[in-house]
Amino acid sequence: MIDRATGLGAEASPEFEAQRAEWEANWTSRGSRRSEPGSGAVDRTISDLPLKPIYGPQDVAHLDLARDLAFPGEFPYTRGIHAGMYRDRLWTMRQFAGFGNARQTNERYHFLLSQGQTGLSVAFDMPTLMGYDSDAPQSLGEVGKCGVAIDSLRDMETLFDGIDLGEITTSMTINGPACIALAQYVATAEGKGTPRARLGGTLQADILKEYIAQKEWIFPPRPHVRIIVDMMKFCTAEMPRWNTISISGYHIREAGSTAVQELAFTLADGFAYVEAATKAGLDVDAFAPRLSFFFNSHIDFFEEICKFRAARRIYARRMRDKYGAKDPRSWSLRFHTQTAGCSATAQQPENNIVRVAYEAMAAALGGTQSLHTNSMDEVMALPTEKSVEIALRTQQVLAYETNVTNVIDPLGGSWFVEALTDEMERQAERYFEQIDEYGGVIEAIEAGFFQREIADASYRYQRSLETKDRVIVGVNAFERDDEQAPMDLLKITAEIERGQARAVQGVRAGRDGARVEEALAALKRACADPSRNVMPPLIDAVNALATEGEIVDAMVAVYGRYTERAAF
């Protein structure tokens, strides 16, 4: 029975409720072999939210159609941030790519673009992510292994050789030295004749989640947030098409969090950046329309869809009602999604193709704006060209063959989906209250709150696999006795590392050393003066061919390096 006031079926007749109670009693009395310990059948989501066997009108009785759902493109955006969603435009198809040196990765980019990819996404190697040059002692054995090595402007120029940066959008997954990567990208574009105002893309730059989960930091939290605010100011004034920061829940999830923790901790980080920027004098509507988010799409299909829907609703309400944003674009949570690396298995790796397809569909049904699909071999190595092609084809089959793009929010109105969306919102609000009790995100980081919550969740999930309360096909059930045939894997040789070290040494030998020293001294002065923006002197240092490691050392001389306090 549909309630005319809410449109959600708020009331069911007494006769229907009686029938429902009788059905539940009969179903429960029968019992089920799937409820036995170790059967792999669970009545809870991965986030440990309880699930009923069936949902009905009574589960959404408290929801109001206009207040809680509305229409796509309208507040609170539960059903999508654009009125037409994929009927008007498909999500951007990105494949996270980067390995070896800049020339090798540039070749991969050209291959992906030729195969129909519509945006670039840069993966950096560990030394670059940590702010070290390729010839530094700390870089030994890691150069080019988990992404591309970028030491100076010359590498960035090679990385985008033959690519029109005014036409393509680029996403760069880098956090600690993100300001340096942005400076290198701007300098590269301007060197090719493309003004910075034309550049479109996203820089991750989310340092708060590094302290929470991924651990790729350089400076302490407070000065690093200052750098991010400087970047926001710079891009607001100079780069109107650039998303200054991509607040990332992906790595929080990969560290072992639940979907609810990913939802709550990611949004809390986002709100912390909003508060820092407004405290620094920025008008919320000047920068909020270009904030973006980055979420994980895990294997719990419906929970992931509901996570995305709840994220939009929470964000819209807080941005309007708490932070006073007046521009509807400031209320719209835009996000990129990547399928879950932590759900992939080295055992029976072909199964990962199936997992990725379901995770990609959850992202599409949840209303993502762009999507990366993982390759089946990424759990073992950087992906080969063939496995990347399969991953991209997975998105294309989803977009063009399944017809899921024809109807906007096709699961909207499902009693189960609406009830679970609402429950995830409630659980996230409880976490916001706990964070507030610490005094905010940075204080909670310093107290180890996030780290403990994620560690506890990770332990519970691992125990559920060991007891087989949850099944991972090919890992704790349906294993194969025969030896698995070896896969062709992409290998980064030691010669790549040696070549990259020689290249950065060549850059140092051939530049104007006095110009470099002058630029680094100017950068130090800007870092020491809170009234100055660090981006202009960073761009000057990059153009002088200062390397990333040299720039980081100059900034560390002012800010220091962060050491995490152990939490137990």
Protein backbone atom coordinates (compact mmCIF):
# COMPACT_ATOMS: atom_id res chain seq x y z
CA MET A 1 0.00 0.00 0.00
CA ILE A 2 1.58 3.29 -1.13
CA ASP A 3 1.45 6.22 1.25
CA ARG A 4 0.29 9.27 -0.71
CA ALA A 5 2.24 11.71 1.48
CA THR A 6 5.65 10.10 1.18
CA GLY A 7 5.31 7.93 -1.92
CA LEU A 8 7.34 5.18 -0.28
CA GLY A 9 4.77 2.77 1.03
CA ALA A 10 4.91 3.95 4.60
CA GLU A 11 1.96 1.94 5.78
CA ALA A 12 0.92 -1.63 5.18
CA SER A 13 -2.52 -2.98 5.99
CA PRO A 14 -2.97 -5.06 9.17
CA GLU A 15 -3.80 -8.03 6.93
CA PHE A 16 -0.50 -7.67 5.07
CA GLU A 17 1.47 -7.38 8.33
CA ALA A 18 -0.18 -10.52 9.62
CA GLN A 19 0.72 -12.39 6.44
CA ARG A 20 4.29 -11.16 6.70
CA ALA A 21 4.59 -12.33 10.32
CA GLU A 22 3.22 -15.74 9.37
CA TRP A 23 5.70 -16.03 6.46
CA GLU A 24 8.64 -15.14 8.72
CA ALA A 25 7.55 -17.68 11.34
CA ASN A 26 7.22 -20.45 8.73
CA TRP A 27 10.55 -19.60 7.10
CA THR A 28 12.38 -19.49 10.44
CA SER A 29 10.88 -22.77 11.65
CA ARG A 30 12.14 -24.63 8.57
CA GLY A 31 15.75 -23.83 9.33
CA SER A 32 18.41 -23.76 6.66
CA ARG A 33 21.61 -25.65 6.04
CA ARG A 34 23.11 -22.38 4.80
CA SER A 35 22.88 -20.99 8.34
CA GLU A 36 25.30 -23.57 9.71
CA PRO A 37 28.76 -22.38 10.87
CA GLY A 38 31.31 -22.47 8.08
CA SER A 39 28.67 -22.57 5.35
CA GLY A 40 29.78 -19.22 3.95
CA ALA A 41 26.27 -17.82 4.24
CA VAL A 42 26.00 -14.70 6.37
CA ASP A 43 23.09 -12.52 7.37
CA ARG A 44 25.22 -9.37 7.61
CA THR A 45 26.97 -7.11 5.15
CA ILE A 46 30.75 -6.91 5.04
CA SER A 47 30.34 -3.81 7.23
CA ASP A 48 28.56 -6.04 9.76
CA LEU A 49 25.17 -4.41 9.22
CA PRO A 50 22.37 -6.92 9.91
CA LEU A 51 20.31 -8.07 6.94
CA LYS A 52 16.72 -9.27 7.06
CA PRO A 53 15.68 -12.14 4.78
CA ILE A 54 13.10 -9.87 3.14
CA TYR A 55 12.24 -6.16 3.18
CA GLY A 56 8.92 -4.43 2.91
CA PRO A 57 7.10 -1.09 3.31
CA GLN A 58 7.60 -1.02 7.08
CA ASP A 59 11.39 -0.79 6.59
CA VAL A 60 11.11 2.59 4.84
CA ALA A 61 8.18 4.01 6.78
CA HIS A 62 10.30 6.84 8.17
CA LEU A 63 11.59 8.02 4.79
CA ASP A 64 10.07 10.90 2.88
CA LEU A 65 10.24 10.83 -0.91
CA ALA A 66 10.79 14.56 -1.43
CA ARG A 67 13.13 15.03 1.53
CA ASP A 68 15.25 11.87 1.24
CA LEU A 69 15.17 10.87 -2.44
CA ALA A 70 13.73 13.58 -4.73
CA PHE A 71 14.81 13.38 -8.39
CA PRO A 72 18.20 12.91 -10.06
CA GLY A 73 19.99 16.22 -10.26
CA GLU A 74 18.03 17.65 -7.34
CA PHE A 75 18.85 18.02 -3.64
CA PRO A 76 19.82 15.82 -1.79
CA TYR A 77 21.11 13.97 -4.90
CA THR A 78 20.48 10.50 -3.48
CA ARG A 79 19.50 9.38 -6.98
CA GLY A 80 22.39 11.05 -8.82
CA ILE A 81 23.96 14.47 -9.27
CA HIS A 82 22.86 14.96 -12.89
CA ALA A 83 19.28 14.98 -14.12
CA GLY A 84 19.99 12.71 -17.08
CA MET A 85 22.93 10.77 -15.64
CA TYR A 86 24.17 8.16 -18.14
CA ARG A 87 21.35 8.82 -20.60
CA ASP A 88 23.11 12.12 -21.29
CA ARG A 89 26.75 11.11 -20.80
CA LEU A 90 28.55 7.94 -19.77
CA TRP A 91 31.02 7.90 -16.92
CA THR A 92 34.64 8.64 -17.84
CA MET A 93 36.56 5.42 -18.42
CA ARG A 94 40.01 5.62 -16.84
CA GLN A 95 42.63 2.93 -16.43
CA PHE A 96 45.16 3.65 -13.69
CA ALA A 97 48.50 3.32 -15.47
CA GLY A 98 52.13 3.91 -14.69
CA PHE A 99 55.22 1.71 -14.60
CA GLY A 100 58.92 1.90 -15.24
CA ASN A 101 60.00 5.16 -16.75
CA ALA A 102 58.04 7.98 -18.34
CA ARG A 103 58.64 6.76 -21.91
CA GLN A 104 57.21 3.30 -21.19
CA THR A 105 54.14 4.74 -19.49
CA ASN A 106 53.62 7.24 -22.31
CA GLU A 107 53.44 4.29 -24.72
CA ARG A 108 50.79 2.64 -22.51
CA TYR A 109 48.77 5.87 -22.50
CA HIS A 110 48.76 6.03 -26.27
CA PHE A 111 47.62 2.37 -26.39
CA LEU A 112 44.78 2.97 -23.95
CA LEU A 113 43.58 6.08 -25.79
CA SER A 114 43.62 4.14 -29.04
CA GLN A 115 41.40 1.49 -27.40
CA GLY A 116 38.70 3.94 -26.38
CA GLN A 117 39.80 5.16 -22.95
CA THR A 118 38.49 8.68 -22.34
CA GLY A 119 40.73 9.96 -19.53
CA LEU A 120 44.22 9.36 -18.19
CA SER A 121 45.09 8.27 -14.66
CA VAL A 122 48.70 8.37 -13.43
CA ALA A 123 50.16 5.84 -11.01
CA PHE A 124 53.51 6.93 -9.50
CA ASP A 125 56.20 4.67 -8.09
CA MET A 126 56.94 4.51 -4.38
CA PRO A 127 60.01 6.79 -4.37
CA THR A 128 58.02 9.49 -6.18
CA LEU A 129 55.11 9.06 -3.75
CA MET A 130 57.48 9.44 -0.80
CA GLY A 131 59.38 12.41 -2.24
CA TYR A 132 62.69 10.73 -3.13
CA ASP A 133 64.66 10.95 -6.37
CA SER A 134 65.37 7.71 -8.22
CA ASP A 135 69.07 7.78 -7.32
CA ALA A 136 68.46 8.25 -3.59
CA PRO A 137 69.51 5.36 -1.31
CA GLN A 138 65.90 5.03 -0.08
CA SER A 139 64.75 4.32 -3.66
CA LEU A 140 66.89 1.25 -4.22
CA GLY A 141 64.84 -1.63 -5.61
CA GLU A 142 61.60 0.37 -5.88
CA VAL A 143 62.06 2.59 -8.93
CA GLY A 144 59.25 2.10 -11.45
CA LYS A 145 57.83 -0.93 -9.61
CA CYS A 146 54.35 0.22 -8.55
CA GLY A 147 54.06 3.16 -10.92
CA VAL A 148 56.04 5.55 -13.05
CA ALA A 149 59.17 7.31 -11.79
CA ILE A 150 58.94 11.11 -12.06
CA ASP A 151 62.01 12.98 -10.83
CA SER A 152 61.87 16.30 -12.66
CA LEU A 153 60.04 18.37 -15.23
CA ARG A 154 61.83 16.42 -17.97
CA ASP A 155 60.09 13.18 -16.88
CA MET A 156 56.68 14.85 -16.79
CA GLU A 157 57.23 16.25 -20.29
CA THR A 158 58.08 12.76 -21.57
CA LEU A 159 55.09 11.23 -19.77
CA PHE A 160 52.66 13.37 -21.80
CA ASP A 161 54.58 13.54 -25.06
CA GLY A 162 52.17 13.65 -28.00
CA ILE A 163 49.10 14.15 -25.77
CA ASP A 164 47.05 17.36 -25.88
CA LEU A 165 46.66 18.33 -22.23
CA GLY A 166 44.04 20.92 -23.17
CA GLU A 167 41.75 18.19 -24.52
CA ILE A 168 42.32 15.18 -22.24
CA THR A 169 41.55 15.11 -18.51
CA THR A 170 44.17 13.64 -16.22
CA SER A 171 43.88 12.16 -12.75
CA MET A 172 47.05 11.92 -10.66
CA THR A 173 47.13 9.68 -7.61
CA ILE A 174 49.75 11.30 -5.43
CA ASN A 175 49.47 12.88 -2.00
CA GLY A 176 52.60 13.75 -0.02
CA PRO A 177 54.33 15.57 -2.91
CA ALA A 178 51.09 16.38 -4.77
CA CYS A 179 51.90 20.09 -4.90
CA ILE A 180 55.12 19.25 -6.78
CA ALA A 181 53.28 17.02 -9.27
CA LEU A 182 50.78 19.81 -9.89
CA ALA A 183 53.61 22.29 -10.49
CA GLN A 184 55.27 19.86 -12.92
CA TYR A 185 51.98 19.31 -14.79
CA VAL A 186 51.33 23.05 -15.11
CA ALA A 187 54.89 23.66 -16.32
CA THR A 188 54.62 20.80 -18.83
CA ALA A 189 51.36 22.12 -20.26
CA GLU A 190 52.59 25.69 -20.49
CA GLY A 191 55.78 24.48 -22.16
CA LYS A 192 53.57 22.90 -24.85
CA GLY A 193 51.58 26.12 -25.25
CA THR A 194 48.52 25.09 -23.21
CA PRO A 195 47.55 27.71 -20.61
CA ARG A 196 46.86 26.46 -17.08
CA ALA A 197 43.28 27.73 -17.28
CA ARG A 198 42.52 25.09 -19.93
CA LEU A 199 43.75 22.15 -17.89
CA GLY A 200 41.14 19.69 -16.70
CA GLY A 201 41.61 16.83 -14.30
CA THR A 202 42.02 15.83 -10.70
CA LEU A 203 44.86 15.73 -8.23
CA GLN A 204 44.34 13.40 -5.29
CA ALA A 205 46.33 15.45 -2.73
CA ASP A 206 44.34 13.93 0.16
CA ILE A 207 46.95 13.88 2.90
CA LEU A 208 44.54 13.19 5.76
CA LYS A 209 43.76 9.69 4.52
CA GLU A 210 47.51 9.05 4.31
CA TYR A 211 47.79 9.50 8.06
CA ILE A 212 44.67 7.36 8.48
CA ALA A 213 45.44 4.51 6.12
CA GLN A 214 48.04 4.58 3.35
CA LYS A 215 51.04 6.05 5.25
CA GLU A 216 52.63 7.92 2.32
CA TRP A 217 53.25 11.21 4.10
CA ILE A 218 56.15 13.64 4.27
CA PHE A 219 55.29 16.65 6.45
CA PRO A 220 53.28 16.77 9.71
CA PRO A 221 49.48 17.11 9.34
CA ARG A 222 49.01 20.79 10.14
CA PRO A 223 51.56 22.30 7.71
CA HIS A 224 50.50 19.82 5.09
CA VAL A 225 46.88 20.93 5.33
CA ARG A 226 48.18 24.49 4.89
CA ILE A 227 49.84 23.39 1.61
CA ILE A 228 46.56 21.86 0.43
CA VAL A 229 44.69 25.08 1.20
CA ASP A 230 47.33 26.96 -0.81
CA MET A 231 46.70 24.58 -3.71
CA MET A 232 42.95 25.16 -3.41
CA LYS A 233 43.47 28.92 -3.48
CA PHE A 234 45.80 28.67 -6.47
CA CYS A 235 43.48 26.45 -8.50
CA THR A 236 40.42 28.53 -7.62
CA ALA A 237 42.14 31.59 -9.07
CA GLU A 238 44.20 30.06 -11.89
CA MET A 239 42.75 26.65 -12.92
CA PRO A 240 38.94 26.77 -13.03
CA ARG A 241 38.62 23.34 -14.72
CA TRP A 242 40.88 21.53 -12.25
CA ASN A 243 39.67 19.49 -9.28
CA THR A 244 42.21 20.52 -6.67
CA ILE A 245 41.72 17.58 -4.37
CA SER A 246 40.15 14.13 -4.59
CA ILE A 247 39.18 13.06 -1.10
CA SER A 248 39.94 9.37 -1.11
CA GLY A 249 38.15 6.56 0.64
CA TYR A 250 39.70 3.99 -1.68
CA HIS A 251 42.86 3.54 0.34
CA ILE A 252 40.95 3.58 3.62
CA ARG A 253 39.01 0.58 2.32
CA GLU A 254 42.14 -1.12 1.00
CA ALA A 255 43.66 -0.79 4.48
CA GLY A 256 40.87 -3.01 5.84
CA SER A 257 38.00 -0.69 6.74
CA THR A 258 34.34 -1.51 6.34
CA ALA A 259 32.14 0.26 3.80
CA VAL A 260 30.62 2.34 6.60
CA GLN A 261 34.06 3.40 7.84
CA GLU A 262 35.11 4.26 4.30
CA LEU A 263 31.97 6.36 3.91
CA ALA A 264 32.28 8.16 7.25
CA PHE A 265 36.04 8.69 7.35
CA THR A 266 36.20 9.92 3.75
CA LEU A 267 33.43 12.45 4.21
CA ALA A 268 34.92 13.56 7.53
CA ASP A 269 38.21 14.25 5.73
CA GLY A 270 36.34 16.21 3.07
CA PHE A 271 34.57 18.34 5.63
CA ALA A 272 37.90 18.98 7.38
CA TYR A 273 39.29 20.42 4.13
CA VAL A 274 36.17 22.57 3.72
CA GLU A 275 36.63 23.92 7.24
CA ALA A 276 40.35 24.60 6.69
CA ALA A 277 39.69 26.45 3.43
CA THR A 278 36.88 28.60 4.80
CA LYS A 279 38.96 29.39 7.90
CA ALA A 280 41.68 30.61 5.52
CA GLY A 281 39.22 33.05 3.97
CA LEU A 282 37.96 31.16 0.91
CA ASP A 283 34.26 31.38 0.12
CA VAL A 284 32.84 27.86 0.17
CA ASP A 285 31.12 28.31 -3.18
CA ALA A 286 34.40 29.41 -4.76
CA PHE A 287 36.07 26.01 -4.27
CA ALA A 288 33.46 23.40 -3.32
CA PRO A 289 32.16 22.80 -6.87
CA ARG A 290 35.58 21.39 -7.76
CA LEU A 291 36.05 19.10 -4.79
CA SER A 292 35.82 15.48 -5.87
CA PHE A 293 35.86 12.12 -4.11
CA PHE A 294 37.35 8.71 -4.79
CA PHE A 295 35.63 5.56 -3.55
CA ASN A 296 36.26 1.84 -3.57
CA SER A 297 33.72 -0.51 -5.13
CA HIS A 298 34.00 -3.75 -3.17
CA ILE A 299 32.29 -7.08 -3.75
CA ASP A 300 29.27 -6.66 -1.42
CA PHE A 301 27.08 -5.53 -4.31
CA PHE A 302 24.13 -3.81 -2.65
CA GLU A 303 26.15 -2.37 0.23
CA GLU A 304 28.40 -0.59 -2.27
CA ILE A 305 25.46 0.87 -4.20
CA CYS A 306 23.89 2.12 -0.97
CA LYS A 307 27.23 3.58 0.18
CA PHE A 308 27.38 5.78 -2.91
CA ARG A 309 23.77 6.90 -2.51
CA ALA A 310 24.22 7.67 1.19
CA ALA A 311 27.44 9.62 0.47
CA ARG A 312 25.63 12.00 -1.88
CA ARG A 313 22.82 12.61 0.58
CA ILE A 314 25.07 13.23 3.60
CA TYR A 315 27.33 15.54 1.61
CA ALA A 316 24.49 17.61 0.17
CA ARG A 317 22.86 18.17 3.54
CA ARG A 318 26.08 19.11 5.32
CA MET A 319 27.37 21.40 2.60
CA ARG A 320 24.10 23.31 2.48
CA ASP A 321 22.97 23.25 6.08
CA LYS A 322 26.25 23.26 8.05
CA TYR A 323 28.72 25.02 5.77
CA GLY A 324 26.27 27.46 4.20
CA ALA A 325 26.99 26.68 0.55
CA LYS A 326 24.44 28.39 -1.68
CA ASP A 327 25.50 27.13 -5.11
CA PRO A 328 23.80 23.79 -5.89
CA ARG A 329 27.07 22.66 -7.49
CA SER A 330 28.64 22.87 -4.02
CA TRP A 331 26.07 20.37 -2.75
CA SER A 332 26.84 17.76 -5.42
CA LEU A 333 29.26 15.01 -4.47
CA ARG A 334 31.15 13.96 -7.61
CA PHE A 335 33.26 10.84 -7.37
CA HIS A 336 35.60 8.48 -9.18
CA THR A 337 35.44 4.77 -8.41
CA GLN A 338 37.99 1.99 -8.61
CA THR A 339 37.16 -1.67 -8.18
CA ALA A 340 38.59 -3.24 -5.05
CA GLY A 341 42.19 -4.33 -5.22
CA CYS A 342 41.84 -6.01 -1.85
CA SER A 343 39.09 -8.29 -3.19
CA ALA A 344 41.39 -9.70 -5.88
CA THR A 345 43.11 -13.03 -5.30
CA ALA A 346 46.36 -14.55 -6.52
CA GLN A 347 44.64 -17.94 -6.47
CA GLN A 348 42.64 -18.57 -9.65
CA PRO A 349 43.29 -15.01 -10.88
CA GLU A 350 40.80 -15.34 -13.76
CA ASN A 351 38.09 -15.11 -11.09
CA ASN A 352 39.14 -11.49 -10.64
CA ILE A 353 37.61 -10.65 -14.03
CA VAL A 354 34.23 -11.75 -12.67
CA ARG A 355 34.69 -9.83 -9.41
CA VAL A 356 35.63 -6.67 -11.27
CA ALA A 357 32.56 -6.90 -13.49
CA TYR A 358 30.21 -7.02 -10.49
CA GLU A 359 32.09 -4.26 -8.70
CA ALA A 360 31.99 -2.09 -11.82
CA MET A 361 28.25 -2.62 -12.15
CA ALA A 362 27.77 -1.60 -8.52
CA ALA A 363 29.65 1.62 -9.26
CA ALA A 364 27.49 2.30 -12.31
CA LEU A 365 24.24 1.56 -10.45
CA GLY A 366 25.53 3.77 -7.64
CA GLY A 367 26.03 6.71 -10.01
CA THR A 368 29.80 7.17 -10.35
CA GLN A 369 31.25 9.91 -12.58
CA SER A 370 34.34 7.97 -13.64
CA LEU A 371 35.55 4.42 -13.22
CA HIS A 372 38.75 2.36 -13.19
CA THR A 373 38.45 -1.40 -13.49
CA ASN A 374 41.32 -3.40 -12.04
CA SER A 375 43.15 -5.98 -14.12
CA MET A 376 43.09 -9.64 -13.15
CA ASP A 377 46.85 -9.81 -12.54
CA GLU A 378 47.27 -6.66 -10.41
CA VAL A 379 47.37 -8.66 -7.20
CA MET A 380 50.68 -10.12 -8.41
CA ALA A 381 52.29 -7.37 -10.50
CA LEU A 382 51.62 -4.30 -12.56
CA PRO A 383 49.12 -5.30 -15.26
CA THR A 384 50.12 -6.46 -18.71
CA GLU A 385 48.75 -4.77 -21.81
CA LYS A 386 46.39 -7.71 -22.44
CA SER A 387 44.92 -7.72 -18.93
CA VAL A 388 44.45 -3.94 -19.07
CA GLU A 389 42.55 -4.36 -22.33
CA ILE A 390 40.23 -6.94 -20.72
CA ALA A 391 39.61 -4.57 -17.80
CA LEU A 392 38.74 -1.73 -20.16
CA ARG A 393 36.50 -4.00 -22.25
CA THR A 394 34.66 -4.89 -19.03
CA GLN A 395 33.64 -1.24 -18.69
CA GLN A 396 32.68 -1.01 -22.34
CA VAL A 397 30.48 -4.11 -22.21
CA LEU A 398 28.83 -2.72 -19.09
CA ALA A 399 28.24 0.67 -20.72
CA TYR A 400 27.13 -0.42 -24.17
CA GLU A 401 25.64 -3.93 -23.86
CA THR A 402 23.90 -4.37 -20.50
CA ASN A 403 21.45 -1.44 -20.83
CA VAL A 404 21.99 -0.46 -17.18
CA THR A 405 22.60 3.08 -18.40
CA ASN A 406 19.11 3.47 -19.84
CA VAL A 407 17.30 4.10 -16.54
CA ILE A 408 18.51 6.54 -13.88
CA ASP A 409 18.94 5.01 -10.41
CA PRO A 410 17.12 1.80 -11.41
CA LEU A 411 17.25 0.40 -7.87
CA GLY A 412 15.77 3.54 -6.33
CA GLY A 413 12.56 2.76 -4.45
CA SER A 414 13.60 -0.78 -3.58
CA TRP A 415 12.62 -1.33 0.04
CA PHE A 416 15.94 -3.06 0.68
CA VAL A 417 18.10 -0.48 -1.09
CA GLU A 418 16.40 2.48 0.56
CA ALA A 419 16.54 0.88 4.01
CA LEU A 420 20.23 0.01 3.65
CA THR A 421 21.07 3.46 2.27
CA ASP A 422 19.38 5.01 5.29
CA GLU A 423 21.15 2.68 7.73
CA MET A 424 24.55 3.50 6.26
CA GLU A 425 23.79 7.19 6.66
CA ARG A 426 22.88 6.64 10.32
CA GLN A 427 26.05 4.66 10.98
CA ALA A 428 28.17 7.37 9.34
CA GLU A 429 26.56 10.06 11.50
CA ARG A 430 27.55 8.08 14.60
CA TYR A 431 31.17 8.14 13.45
CA PHE A 432 30.96 11.91 12.87
CA GLU A 433 29.87 12.30 16.48
CA GLN A 434 32.86 10.26 17.69
CA ILE A 435 35.28 12.31 15.58
CA ASP A 436 33.79 15.52 16.96
CA GLU A 437 34.39 14.22 20.50
CA TYR A 438 38.13 14.12 19.71
CA GLY A 439 37.98 17.70 18.48
CA GLY A 440 38.18 17.00 14.74
CA VAL A 441 39.93 14.84 12.15
CA ILE A 442 43.53 15.86 12.90
CA GLU A 443 43.04 15.36 16.63
CA ALA A 444 41.48 11.95 15.98
CA ILE A 445 44.43 11.03 13.76
CA GLU A 446 46.88 12.08 16.47
CA ALA A 447 44.97 9.98 19.00
CA GLY A 448 45.06 6.92 16.70
CA PHE A 449 41.25 6.66 16.50
CA PHE A 450 40.96 5.92 12.78
CA GLN A 451 43.88 3.53 12.81
CA ARG A 452 42.40 1.46 15.64
CA GLU A 453 38.94 1.32 14.04
CA ILE A 454 40.37 0.09 10.73
CA ALA A 455 42.66 -2.44 12.41
CA ASP A 456 39.74 -3.89 14.38
CA ALA A 457 37.57 -4.13 11.26
CA SER A 458 40.36 -5.78 9.31
CA TYR A 459 40.88 -8.35 12.06
CA ARG A 460 37.17 -9.21 12.18
CA TYR A 461 37.03 -9.67 8.42
CA GLN A 462 40.12 -11.88 8.38
CA ARG A 463 38.67 -14.05 11.14
CA SER A 464 35.45 -14.48 9.12
CA LEU A 465 37.54 -15.89 6.26
CA GLU A 466 39.52 -18.21 8.50
CA THR A 467 36.33 -19.63 10.03
CA LYS A 468 34.75 -19.76 6.53
CA ASP A 469 31.84 -17.66 7.70
CA ARG A 470 32.62 -15.79 4.50
CA VAL A 471 33.69 -17.56 1.34
CA ILE A 472 36.32 -16.35 -1.09
CA VAL A 473 36.08 -18.56 -4.14
CA GLY A 474 39.37 -20.26 -4.84
CA VAL A 475 40.89 -19.21 -1.50
CA ASN A 476 38.95 -20.81 1.36
CA ALA A 477 36.48 -22.76 -0.78
CA PHE A 478 36.46 -24.34 -4.25
CA GLU A 479 40.23 -24.56 -4.29
CA ARG A 480 42.01 -26.35 -7.13
CA ASP A 481 44.29 -29.29 -6.41
CA ASP A 482 46.24 -29.03 -9.64
CA GLU A 483 49.10 -26.57 -9.86
CA GLN A 484 48.07 -23.26 -11.35
CA ALA A 485 49.64 -22.44 -14.71
CA PRO A 486 52.02 -19.49 -14.45
CA MET A 487 50.82 -16.17 -15.85
CA ASP A 488 52.76 -13.80 -18.02
CA LEU A 489 53.53 -10.87 -15.71
CA LEU A 490 54.95 -7.44 -16.38
CA LYS A 491 58.48 -7.22 -14.96
CA ILE A 492 60.39 -4.01 -14.25
CA THR A 493 64.08 -4.75 -14.59
CA ALA A 494 67.00 -3.36 -12.62
CA GLU A 495 68.18 -1.66 -15.82
CA ILE A 496 65.10 0.58 -15.70
CA GLU A 497 66.17 1.75 -12.24
CA ARG A 498 69.76 2.31 -13.30
CA GLY A 499 68.62 4.20 -16.40
CA GLN A 500 66.31 6.43 -14.39
CA ALA A 501 69.10 7.19 -11.89
CA ARG A 502 71.41 8.15 -14.76
CA ALA A 503 68.67 10.35 -16.24
CA VAL A 504 68.09 12.39 -13.08
CA GLN A 505 71.85 12.79 -12.62
CA GLY A 506 72.03 14.06 -16.19
CA VAL A 507 69.34 16.64 -15.46
CA ARG A 508 71.33 17.92 -12.48
CA ALA A 509 74.53 18.09 -14.53
CA GLY A 510 73.00 20.05 -17.39
CA ARG A 511 70.98 22.74 -15.58
CA ASP A 512 71.78 26.19 -14.19
CA GLY A 513 72.77 25.38 -10.59
CA ALA A 514 72.58 28.98 -9.38
CA ARG A 515 69.01 29.27 -10.70
CA VAL A 516 68.04 26.10 -8.83
CA GLU A 517 69.51 27.35 -5.54
CA GLU A 518 67.75 30.69 -5.91
CA ALA A 519 64.41 28.99 -6.64
CA LEU A 520 64.72 26.63 -3.65
CA ALA A 521 65.61 29.52 -1.34
CA ALA A 522 62.51 31.40 -2.52
CA LEU A 523 60.41 28.30 -1.88
CA LYS A 524 61.72 28.03 1.69
CA ARG A 525 60.78 31.66 2.34
CA ALA A 526 57.26 31.03 1.08
CA CYS A 527 56.89 27.92 3.24
CA ALA A 528 57.96 29.90 6.31
CA ASP A 529 55.48 32.71 5.61
CA PRO A 530 51.81 31.63 6.09
CA SER A 531 50.65 34.72 4.19
CA ARG A 532 52.31 33.51 0.98
CA ASN A 533 51.12 30.81 -1.40
CA VAL A 534 53.64 28.03 -2.04
CA MET A 535 52.46 27.21 -5.57
CA PRO A 536 54.12 30.05 -7.56
CA PRO A 537 57.61 29.39 -6.11
CA LEU A 538 57.04 25.63 -6.61
CA ILE A 539 56.37 26.20 -10.31
CA ASP A 540 59.49 28.37 -10.49
CA ALA A 541 61.57 25.61 -8.87
CA VAL A 542 60.18 22.99 -11.25
CA ASN A 543 60.95 25.20 -14.28
CA ALA A 544 64.49 25.64 -12.95
CA LEU A 545 64.74 21.80 -13.13
CA ALA A 546 64.95 21.26 -9.39
CA THR A 547 64.23 17.60 -8.76
CA GLU A 548 61.39 16.34 -6.59
CA GLY A 549 63.80 15.18 -3.89
CA GLU A 550 65.50 18.57 -3.76
CA ILE A 551 62.18 20.39 -3.52
CA VAL A 552 61.00 18.07 -0.73
CA ASP A 553 64.25 18.57 1.20
CA ALA A 554 63.79 22.34 0.98
CA MET A 555 60.25 22.10 2.35
CA VAL A 556 61.28 19.60 5.06
CA ALA A 557 63.84 22.15 6.25
CA VAL A 558 60.88 24.37 7.17
CA TYR A 559 58.14 21.90 8.10
CA GLY A 560 60.05 18.83 9.32
CA ARG A 561 59.15 15.18 8.62
CA TYR A 562 56.23 13.39 10.24
CA THR A 563 56.68 10.33 12.42
CA GLU A 564 53.55 8.43 13.39
CA ARG A 565 52.92 7.67 17.04
CA ALA A 566 52.29 3.96 17.45
CA ALA A 567 48.75 3.03 18.44
CA PHE A 568 47.80 -0.24 20.13
